Amino acid sequence: MRRRKTFREKLADQKDLPRVERIPKGMTRQWGEGTMVIPAPREVDGIMRKVPKGKLITINQIREIVARRHGATLGCPITTGILARIAAGAAGEDEAEGKRRVTPYWRTLKTGGEVNPKYPGGLQDQRRRLEAEGHRVDMRGRRMVVRDYERYLVIPD
């Protein structure tokens, strides 16, 4: 029986990434023609690590940063979100082992300022961390959103 990889192992596995490819035909209707970069796990983690206390970034901003770095039309929307989740999971594993300097994943939001429920600790833990940094977090139905998140966005590149 194969052992499941840890998030840290997934973060370290670069899989010949980053890689720039043509935007697949199935995605051109939504994203248009051009090229798409599939970022490396450590690249996404590195961007997330640079977000200072009290500031925020969205997955879409990370996609823009990696696209610009690689001269691509866009950053892969699916892969970038998955890699942010891997970076968050690796940070959670580090924290569980007592490490203090971890990737501040709670500062990386989904579109519209939404907190990612898949990050370690769930919504309530992220809410606590965000509020400790001065943000206001509201419930909108089942979603948790940082109030006025646009005011706190930063491009750490």
N, C-alpha and C. Protein backbone atom coordinates (compact mmCIF):
# COMPACT_ATOMS: atom_id res chain seq x y z
N MET A 1 0.84 -1.18 0.00
CA MET A 1 0.00 0.00 0.00
C MET A 1 0.89 1.24 0.00
N ARG A 2 0.58 2.17 -0.90
CA ARG A 2 1.38 3.39 -1.02
C ARG A 2 1.01 4.39 0.05
N ARG A 3 2.04 5.02 0.60
CA ARG A 3 1.85 6.05 1.60
C ARG A 3 1.48 7.36 0.90
N ARG A 4 0.56 8.10 1.47
CA ARG A 4 0.19 9.41 0.93
C ARG A 4 1.30 10.40 1.17
N LYS A 5 1.56 11.26 0.19
CA LYS A 5 2.57 12.30 0.36
C LYS A 5 2.08 13.35 1.34
N THR A 6 3.01 13.89 2.11
CA THR A 6 2.67 15.00 2.98
C THR A 6 2.58 16.27 2.13
N PHE A 7 2.00 17.31 2.68
CA PHE A 7 1.94 18.57 1.95
C PHE A 7 3.35 19.11 1.72
N ARG A 8 4.24 18.91 2.68
CA ARG A 8 5.63 19.36 2.49
C ARG A 8 6.29 18.63 1.33
N GLU A 9 6.02 17.34 1.19
CA GLU A 9 6.57 16.58 0.06
C GLU A 9 5.98 17.08 -1.25
N LYS A 10 4.69 17.38 -1.25
CA LYS A 10 4.06 17.92 -2.46
C LYS A 10 4.64 19.28 -2.82
N LEU A 11 4.93 20.09 -1.81
CA LEU A 11 5.49 21.42 -2.03
C LEU A 11 6.89 21.31 -2.64
N ALA A 12 7.64 20.30 -2.23
CA ALA A 12 9.02 20.12 -2.72
C ALA A 12 9.06 19.49 -4.11
N ASP A 13 7.98 18.86 -4.55
CA ASP A 13 7.95 18.17 -5.84
C ASP A 13 7.65 19.16 -6.96
N GLN A 14 8.68 19.54 -7.69
CA GLN A 14 8.54 20.59 -8.72
C GLN A 14 7.95 20.09 -10.04
N LYS A 15 7.97 18.79 -10.31
CA LYS A 15 7.34 18.20 -11.50
C LYS A 15 7.61 18.95 -12.80
N ASP A 16 8.85 19.33 -13.05
CA ASP A 16 9.23 20.06 -14.26
C ASP A 16 8.44 21.37 -14.43
N LEU A 17 8.15 22.00 -13.32
CA LEU A 17 7.43 23.27 -13.35
C LEU A 17 8.36 24.38 -12.91
N PRO A 18 8.15 25.60 -13.29
CA PRO A 18 7.02 26.12 -14.06
C PRO A 18 7.14 25.75 -15.54
N ARG A 19 5.99 25.79 -16.21
CA ARG A 19 5.92 25.44 -17.62
C ARG A 19 4.90 26.36 -18.29
N VAL A 20 5.27 26.90 -19.44
CA VAL A 20 4.37 27.75 -20.21
C VAL A 20 3.86 26.95 -21.40
N GLU A 21 2.53 26.94 -21.56
CA GLU A 21 1.88 26.19 -22.64
C GLU A 21 0.84 27.07 -23.31
N ARG A 22 0.40 26.67 -24.47
CA ARG A 22 -0.73 27.35 -25.12
C ARG A 22 -1.98 27.12 -24.26
N ILE A 23 -2.85 28.09 -24.22
CA ILE A 23 -4.10 27.92 -23.49
C ILE A 23 -4.88 26.82 -24.20
N PRO A 24 -5.28 25.77 -23.48
CA PRO A 24 -5.99 24.65 -24.10
C PRO A 24 -7.30 25.10 -24.75
N LYS A 25 -7.65 24.44 -25.85
CA LYS A 25 -8.87 24.80 -26.59
C LYS A 25 -10.11 24.87 -25.69
N GLY A 26 -10.22 23.97 -24.76
CA GLY A 26 -11.37 23.95 -23.87
C GLY A 26 -11.45 25.16 -22.95
N MET A 27 -10.36 25.90 -22.84
CA MET A 27 -10.33 27.07 -21.95
C MET A 27 -10.34 28.39 -22.72
N THR A 28 -10.19 28.35 -24.04
CA THR A 28 -10.08 29.60 -24.80
C THR A 28 -11.37 30.41 -24.79
N ARG A 29 -12.49 29.74 -24.68
CA ARG A 29 -13.75 30.48 -24.64
C ARG A 29 -13.80 31.43 -23.45
N GLN A 30 -13.32 30.94 -22.31
CA GLN A 30 -13.34 31.76 -21.09
C GLN A 30 -12.11 32.66 -21.00
N TRP A 31 -10.93 32.18 -21.38
CA TRP A 31 -9.69 32.88 -21.14
C TRP A 31 -9.06 33.51 -22.38
N GLY A 32 -9.55 33.14 -23.56
CA GLY A 32 -9.01 33.70 -24.78
C GLY A 32 -7.80 32.93 -25.28
N GLU A 33 -7.18 33.46 -26.31
CA GLU A 33 -6.00 32.83 -26.92
C GLU A 33 -4.75 33.29 -26.18
N GLY A 34 -3.69 32.54 -26.32
CA GLY A 34 -2.41 32.94 -25.75
C GLY A 34 -1.74 31.81 -25.02
N THR A 35 -0.96 32.17 -24.01
CA THR A 35 -0.22 31.18 -23.25
C THR A 35 -0.61 31.22 -21.78
N MET A 36 -0.38 30.10 -21.15
CA MET A 36 -0.73 29.95 -19.73
C MET A 36 0.47 29.33 -19.02
N VAL A 37 0.85 29.92 -17.89
CA VAL A 37 1.94 29.35 -17.09
C VAL A 37 1.33 28.46 -16.01
N ILE A 38 1.92 27.29 -15.89
CA ILE A 38 1.60 26.39 -14.78
C ILE A 38 2.74 26.58 -13.80
N PRO A 39 2.50 27.28 -12.68
CA PRO A 39 3.60 27.63 -11.77
C PRO A 39 4.11 26.43 -10.99
N ALA A 40 5.29 26.59 -10.42
CA ALA A 40 5.87 25.58 -9.54
C ALA A 40 5.31 25.78 -8.13
N PRO A 41 5.20 24.70 -7.37
CA PRO A 41 4.68 24.83 -6.00
C PRO A 41 5.45 25.84 -5.15
N ARG A 42 6.77 25.79 -5.18
CA ARG A 42 7.58 26.71 -4.37
C ARG A 42 7.42 28.16 -4.82
N GLU A 43 7.10 28.37 -6.09
CA GLU A 43 6.90 29.73 -6.59
C GLU A 43 5.66 30.35 -5.95
N VAL A 44 4.57 29.60 -5.92
CA VAL A 44 3.34 30.09 -5.29
C VAL A 44 3.56 30.30 -3.79
N ASP A 45 4.23 29.34 -3.15
CA ASP A 45 4.54 29.46 -1.73
C ASP A 45 5.39 30.71 -1.47
N GLY A 46 6.36 30.96 -2.33
CA GLY A 46 7.24 32.13 -2.17
C GLY A 46 6.48 33.43 -2.23
N ILE A 47 5.51 33.52 -3.13
CA ILE A 47 4.68 34.73 -3.22
C ILE A 47 3.85 34.89 -1.95
N MET A 48 3.24 33.80 -1.50
CA MET A 48 2.42 33.84 -0.30
C MET A 48 3.24 34.25 0.93
N ARG A 49 4.47 33.80 1.00
CA ARG A 49 5.36 34.12 2.13
C ARG A 49 5.68 35.61 2.23
N LYS A 50 5.65 36.30 1.10
CA LYS A 50 6.05 37.72 1.08
C LYS A 50 4.93 38.68 1.50
N VAL A 51 3.74 38.17 1.74
CA VAL A 51 2.63 39.05 2.13
C VAL A 51 2.82 39.45 3.59
N PRO A 52 3.04 40.74 3.86
CA PRO A 52 3.32 41.17 5.23
C PRO A 52 2.07 41.16 6.12
N LYS A 53 2.32 41.16 7.41
CA LYS A 53 1.26 41.21 8.41
C LYS A 53 0.35 42.40 8.14
N GLY A 54 -0.96 42.16 8.19
CA GLY A 54 -1.95 43.21 7.97
C GLY A 54 -2.32 43.41 6.51
N LYS A 55 -1.63 42.75 5.60
CA LYS A 55 -1.91 42.86 4.17
C LYS A 55 -2.50 41.55 3.67
N LEU A 56 -3.05 41.60 2.46
CA LEU A 56 -3.71 40.44 1.87
C LEU A 56 -3.34 40.31 0.40
N ILE A 57 -3.58 39.12 -0.15
CA ILE A 57 -3.41 38.87 -1.57
C ILE A 57 -4.51 37.88 -1.97
N THR A 58 -4.89 37.91 -3.24
CA THR A 58 -5.87 36.95 -3.74
C THR A 58 -5.18 35.95 -4.66
N ILE A 59 -5.84 34.83 -4.87
CA ILE A 59 -5.32 33.83 -5.81
C ILE A 59 -5.17 34.47 -7.19
N ASN A 60 -6.12 35.31 -7.58
CA ASN A 60 -6.02 35.96 -8.90
C ASN A 60 -4.78 36.84 -9.00
N GLN A 61 -4.41 37.51 -7.93
CA GLN A 61 -3.19 38.32 -7.96
C GLN A 61 -1.96 37.43 -8.11
N ILE A 62 -1.96 36.29 -7.43
CA ILE A 62 -0.84 35.35 -7.57
C ILE A 62 -0.75 34.89 -9.02
N ARG A 63 -1.89 34.60 -9.63
CA ARG A 63 -1.91 34.19 -11.04
C ARG A 63 -1.31 35.28 -11.93
N GLU A 64 -1.65 36.54 -11.66
CA GLU A 64 -1.11 37.66 -12.45
C GLU A 64 0.41 37.77 -12.28
N ILE A 65 0.88 37.58 -11.07
CA ILE A 65 2.32 37.67 -10.80
C ILE A 65 3.07 36.59 -11.57
N VAL A 66 2.60 35.34 -11.50
CA VAL A 66 3.32 34.26 -12.18
C VAL A 66 3.24 34.43 -13.70
N ALA A 67 2.12 34.92 -14.20
CA ALA A 67 2.00 35.16 -15.65
C ALA A 67 3.01 36.21 -16.09
N ARG A 68 3.11 37.28 -15.34
CA ARG A 68 4.06 38.35 -15.67
C ARG A 68 5.50 37.84 -15.61
N ARG A 69 5.84 37.09 -14.59
CA ARG A 69 7.19 36.54 -14.44
C ARG A 69 7.61 35.69 -15.63
N HIS A 70 6.65 34.96 -16.18
CA HIS A 70 6.97 34.00 -17.24
C HIS A 70 6.54 34.46 -18.62
N GLY A 71 6.10 35.70 -18.73
CA GLY A 71 5.71 36.24 -20.02
C GLY A 71 4.52 35.52 -20.64
N ALA A 72 3.63 35.06 -19.80
CA ALA A 72 2.44 34.32 -20.27
C ALA A 72 1.21 35.23 -20.21
N THR A 73 0.19 34.85 -20.95
CA THR A 73 -1.07 35.59 -20.96
C THR A 73 -1.76 35.48 -19.61
N LEU A 74 -1.71 34.30 -18.99
CA LEU A 74 -2.36 34.10 -17.70
C LEU A 74 -1.68 32.99 -16.92
N GLY A 75 -1.93 33.00 -15.61
CA GLY A 75 -1.50 31.91 -14.74
C GLY A 75 -2.64 30.91 -14.65
N CYS A 76 -2.33 29.65 -14.64
CA CYS A 76 -3.37 28.61 -14.62
C CYS A 76 -4.26 28.76 -13.38
N PRO A 77 -5.55 28.97 -13.61
CA PRO A 77 -6.46 29.19 -12.47
C PRO A 77 -6.62 27.96 -11.58
N ILE A 78 -6.60 26.78 -12.17
CA ILE A 78 -6.80 25.56 -11.39
C ILE A 78 -5.55 25.23 -10.59
N THR A 79 -4.42 25.17 -11.29
CA THR A 79 -3.17 24.78 -10.64
C THR A 79 -2.77 25.77 -9.56
N THR A 80 -2.92 27.06 -9.80
CA THR A 80 -2.52 28.05 -8.81
C THR A 80 -3.31 27.87 -7.51
N GLY A 81 -4.60 27.62 -7.61
CA GLY A 81 -5.41 27.38 -6.41
C GLY A 81 -4.99 26.12 -5.68
N ILE A 82 -4.70 25.07 -6.43
CA ILE A 82 -4.25 23.82 -5.81
C ILE A 82 -2.92 24.03 -5.10
N LEU A 83 -2.01 24.75 -5.74
CA LEU A 83 -0.69 24.97 -5.15
C LEU A 83 -0.77 25.85 -3.91
N ALA A 84 -1.69 26.81 -3.88
CA ALA A 84 -1.88 27.62 -2.68
C ALA A 84 -2.37 26.73 -1.54
N ARG A 85 -3.23 25.78 -1.86
CA ARG A 85 -3.72 24.83 -0.85
C ARG A 85 -2.58 23.96 -0.33
N ILE A 86 -1.69 23.54 -1.22
CA ILE A 86 -0.54 22.74 -0.81
C ILE A 86 0.38 23.56 0.09
N ALA A 87 0.64 24.82 -0.27
CA ALA A 87 1.48 25.69 0.56
C ALA A 87 0.86 25.86 1.95
N ALA A 88 -0.46 26.05 1.99
CA ALA A 88 -1.15 26.19 3.27
C ALA A 88 -1.05 24.91 4.09
N GLY A 89 -1.23 23.77 3.44
CA GLY A 89 -1.13 22.48 4.13
C GLY A 89 0.27 22.25 4.68
N ALA A 90 1.29 22.61 3.91
CA ALA A 90 2.67 22.46 4.38
C ALA A 90 2.92 23.36 5.59
N ALA A 91 2.37 24.58 5.56
CA ALA A 91 2.51 25.49 6.69
C ALA A 91 1.81 24.90 7.92
N GLY A 92 0.66 24.30 7.71
CA GLY A 92 -0.05 23.65 8.81
C GLY A 92 0.76 22.51 9.41
N GLU A 93 1.42 21.72 8.56
CA GLU A 93 2.29 20.64 9.06
C GLU A 93 3.46 21.22 9.85
N ASP A 94 4.04 22.31 9.34
CA ASP A 94 5.14 22.95 10.05
C ASP A 94 4.69 23.45 11.43
N GLU A 95 3.53 24.09 11.48
CA GLU A 95 3.01 24.60 12.76
C GLU A 95 2.77 23.45 13.74
N ALA A 96 2.25 22.33 13.23
CA ALA A 96 1.98 21.18 14.09
C ALA A 96 3.27 20.64 14.72
N GLU A 97 4.40 20.91 14.07
CA GLU A 97 5.69 20.48 14.62
C GLU A 97 6.36 21.59 15.43
N GLY A 98 5.63 22.68 15.66
CA GLY A 98 6.15 23.74 16.52
C GLY A 98 6.92 24.84 15.82
N LYS A 99 6.99 24.81 14.49
CA LYS A 99 7.70 25.87 13.78
C LYS A 99 6.87 27.15 13.85
N ARG A 100 7.55 28.28 14.02
CA ARG A 100 6.87 29.56 14.14
C ARG A 100 6.83 30.34 12.84
N ARG A 101 7.88 30.27 12.05
CA ARG A 101 7.94 31.02 10.80
C ARG A 101 7.41 30.14 9.67
N VAL A 102 6.11 30.29 9.41
CA VAL A 102 5.46 29.50 8.36
C VAL A 102 4.84 30.44 7.33
N THR A 103 4.51 29.89 6.20
CA THR A 103 3.82 30.66 5.16
C THR A 103 2.50 31.17 5.74
N PRO A 104 2.24 32.49 5.70
CA PRO A 104 1.01 33.04 6.27
C PRO A 104 -0.18 32.85 5.30
N TYR A 105 -0.60 31.63 5.17
CA TYR A 105 -1.63 31.24 4.20
C TYR A 105 -2.96 31.96 4.43
N TRP A 106 -3.27 32.33 5.66
CA TRP A 106 -4.54 32.99 5.98
C TRP A 106 -4.65 34.35 5.30
N ARG A 107 -3.54 34.90 4.83
CA ARG A 107 -3.55 36.18 4.13
C ARG A 107 -3.85 36.03 2.64
N THR A 108 -3.96 34.81 2.15
CA THR A 108 -4.28 34.55 0.74
C THR A 108 -5.75 34.21 0.64
N LEU A 109 -6.49 35.06 -0.08
CA LEU A 109 -7.94 34.93 -0.18
C LEU A 109 -8.37 34.45 -1.56
N LYS A 110 -9.56 33.93 -1.60
CA LYS A 110 -10.17 33.57 -2.87
C LYS A 110 -10.75 34.85 -3.51
N THR A 111 -11.34 34.71 -4.68
CA THR A 111 -11.97 35.83 -5.37
C THR A 111 -13.02 36.48 -4.47
N GLY A 112 -13.08 37.80 -4.51
CA GLY A 112 -14.08 38.53 -3.74
C GLY A 112 -13.75 38.64 -2.26
N GLY A 113 -12.52 38.32 -1.87
CA GLY A 113 -12.13 38.44 -0.47
C GLY A 113 -12.58 37.29 0.41
N GLU A 114 -12.96 36.18 -0.22
CA GLU A 114 -13.46 35.03 0.54
C GLU A 114 -12.32 34.25 1.18
N VAL A 115 -12.52 33.86 2.43
CA VAL A 115 -11.57 33.03 3.16
C VAL A 115 -11.72 31.60 2.64
N ASN A 116 -10.59 30.91 2.49
CA ASN A 116 -10.61 29.56 1.92
C ASN A 116 -10.91 28.53 3.01
N PRO A 117 -12.05 27.86 2.95
CA PRO A 117 -12.41 26.90 3.99
C PRO A 117 -11.52 25.65 4.00
N LYS A 118 -10.75 25.43 2.94
CA LYS A 118 -9.90 24.24 2.85
C LYS A 118 -8.54 24.43 3.52
N TYR A 119 -8.22 25.64 3.93
CA TYR A 119 -6.93 25.89 4.58
C TYR A 119 -6.94 25.29 5.98
N PRO A 120 -5.76 24.99 6.54
CA PRO A 120 -5.66 24.38 7.87
C PRO A 120 -6.41 25.20 8.93
N GLY A 121 -7.05 24.50 9.84
CA GLY A 121 -7.75 25.16 10.92
C GLY A 121 -9.16 25.59 10.58
N GLY A 122 -9.50 25.54 9.29
CA GLY A 122 -10.84 25.91 8.87
C GLY A 122 -11.12 27.40 8.97
N LEU A 123 -12.35 27.76 8.74
CA LEU A 123 -12.74 29.17 8.69
C LEU A 123 -12.54 29.90 10.01
N GLN A 124 -12.89 29.26 11.12
CA GLN A 124 -12.80 29.97 12.40
C GLN A 124 -11.36 30.29 12.79
N ASP A 125 -10.44 29.39 12.52
CA ASP A 125 -9.04 29.65 12.83
C ASP A 125 -8.51 30.80 11.97
N GLN A 126 -8.87 30.79 10.70
CA GLN A 126 -8.42 31.87 9.83
C GLN A 126 -9.03 33.20 10.24
N ARG A 127 -10.29 33.16 10.62
CA ARG A 127 -10.94 34.38 11.10
C ARG A 127 -10.18 34.95 12.28
N ARG A 128 -9.82 34.10 13.23
CA ARG A 128 -9.07 34.53 14.41
C ARG A 128 -7.74 35.17 14.00
N ARG A 129 -7.03 34.54 13.08
CA ARG A 129 -5.73 35.06 12.63
C ARG A 129 -5.89 36.40 11.90
N LEU A 130 -6.89 36.48 11.03
CA LEU A 130 -7.11 37.72 10.28
C LEU A 130 -7.53 38.86 11.21
N GLU A 131 -8.41 38.58 12.14
CA GLU A 131 -8.85 39.61 13.08
C GLU A 131 -7.70 40.04 13.99
N ALA A 132 -6.80 39.13 14.33
CA ALA A 132 -5.63 39.49 15.13
C ALA A 132 -4.71 40.45 14.38
N GLU A 133 -4.81 40.45 13.05
CA GLU A 133 -4.01 41.35 12.22
C GLU A 133 -4.78 42.62 11.85
N GLY A 134 -5.97 42.80 12.43
CA GLY A 134 -6.71 44.04 12.24
C GLY A 134 -7.81 44.00 11.19
N HIS A 135 -8.10 42.85 10.62
CA HIS A 135 -9.14 42.76 9.59
C HIS A 135 -10.49 42.45 10.23
N ARG A 136 -11.55 42.85 9.55
CA ARG A 136 -12.92 42.51 9.96
C ARG A 136 -13.40 41.42 9.03
N VAL A 137 -13.96 40.38 9.58
CA VAL A 137 -14.40 39.23 8.80
C VAL A 137 -15.90 39.04 9.03
N ASP A 138 -16.65 38.95 7.92
CA ASP A 138 -18.10 38.82 7.98
C ASP A 138 -18.55 37.50 7.37
N MET A 139 -19.67 36.99 7.87
CA MET A 139 -20.30 35.82 7.26
C MET A 139 -21.28 36.31 6.20
N ARG A 140 -21.23 35.70 5.05
CA ARG A 140 -22.19 35.96 3.97
C ARG A 140 -22.75 34.61 3.57
N GLY A 141 -23.84 34.25 4.21
CA GLY A 141 -24.36 32.90 4.02
C GLY A 141 -23.40 31.93 4.67
N ARG A 142 -22.91 30.98 3.92
CA ARG A 142 -21.93 30.01 4.43
C ARG A 142 -20.49 30.47 4.19
N ARG A 143 -20.35 31.54 3.47
CA ARG A 143 -19.02 32.05 3.12
C ARG A 143 -18.55 33.06 4.15
N MET A 144 -17.23 33.12 4.34
CA MET A 144 -16.63 34.09 5.22
C MET A 144 -15.79 35.02 4.34
N VAL A 145 -16.02 36.34 4.49
CA VAL A 145 -15.38 37.32 3.61
C VAL A 145 -14.72 38.41 4.46
N VAL A 146 -13.52 38.84 4.04
CA VAL A 146 -12.83 39.93 4.72
C VAL A 146 -13.45 41.25 4.25
N ARG A 147 -13.93 42.03 5.19
CA ARG A 147 -14.56 43.31 4.89
C ARG A 147 -13.51 44.28 4.34
N ASP A 148 -13.87 44.98 3.27
CA ASP A 148 -13.00 45.98 2.64
C ASP A 148 -11.61 45.41 2.31
N TYR A 149 -11.57 44.15 1.92
CA TYR A 149 -10.29 43.49 1.65
C TYR A 149 -9.45 44.22 0.61
N GLU A 150 -10.13 44.91 -0.32
CA GLU A 150 -9.40 45.61 -1.39
C GLU A 150 -8.41 46.64 -0.85
N ARG A 151 -8.74 47.23 0.30
CA ARG A 151 -7.87 48.26 0.91
C ARG A 151 -6.54 47.69 1.38
N TYR A 152 -6.49 46.38 1.59
CA TYR A 152 -5.33 45.74 2.18
C TYR A 152 -4.52 44.90 1.19
N LEU A 153 -4.94 44.91 -0.07
CA LEU A 153 -4.25 44.09 -1.06
C LEU A 153 -2.85 44.64 -1.34
N VAL A 154 -1.93 43.72 -1.55
CA VAL A 154 -0.54 44.08 -1.82
C VAL A 154 -0.02 43.13 -2.90
N ILE A 155 0.86 43.67 -3.74
CA ILE A 155 1.57 42.82 -4.72
C ILE A 155 3.01 42.73 -4.21
N PRO A 156 3.36 41.60 -3.59
CA PRO A 156 4.68 41.48 -2.95
C PRO A 156 5.79 41.07 -3.89
N ASP A 157 5.84 41.64 -5.08
CA ASP A 157 6.81 41.19 -6.07
C ASP A 157 7.75 42.30 -6.46
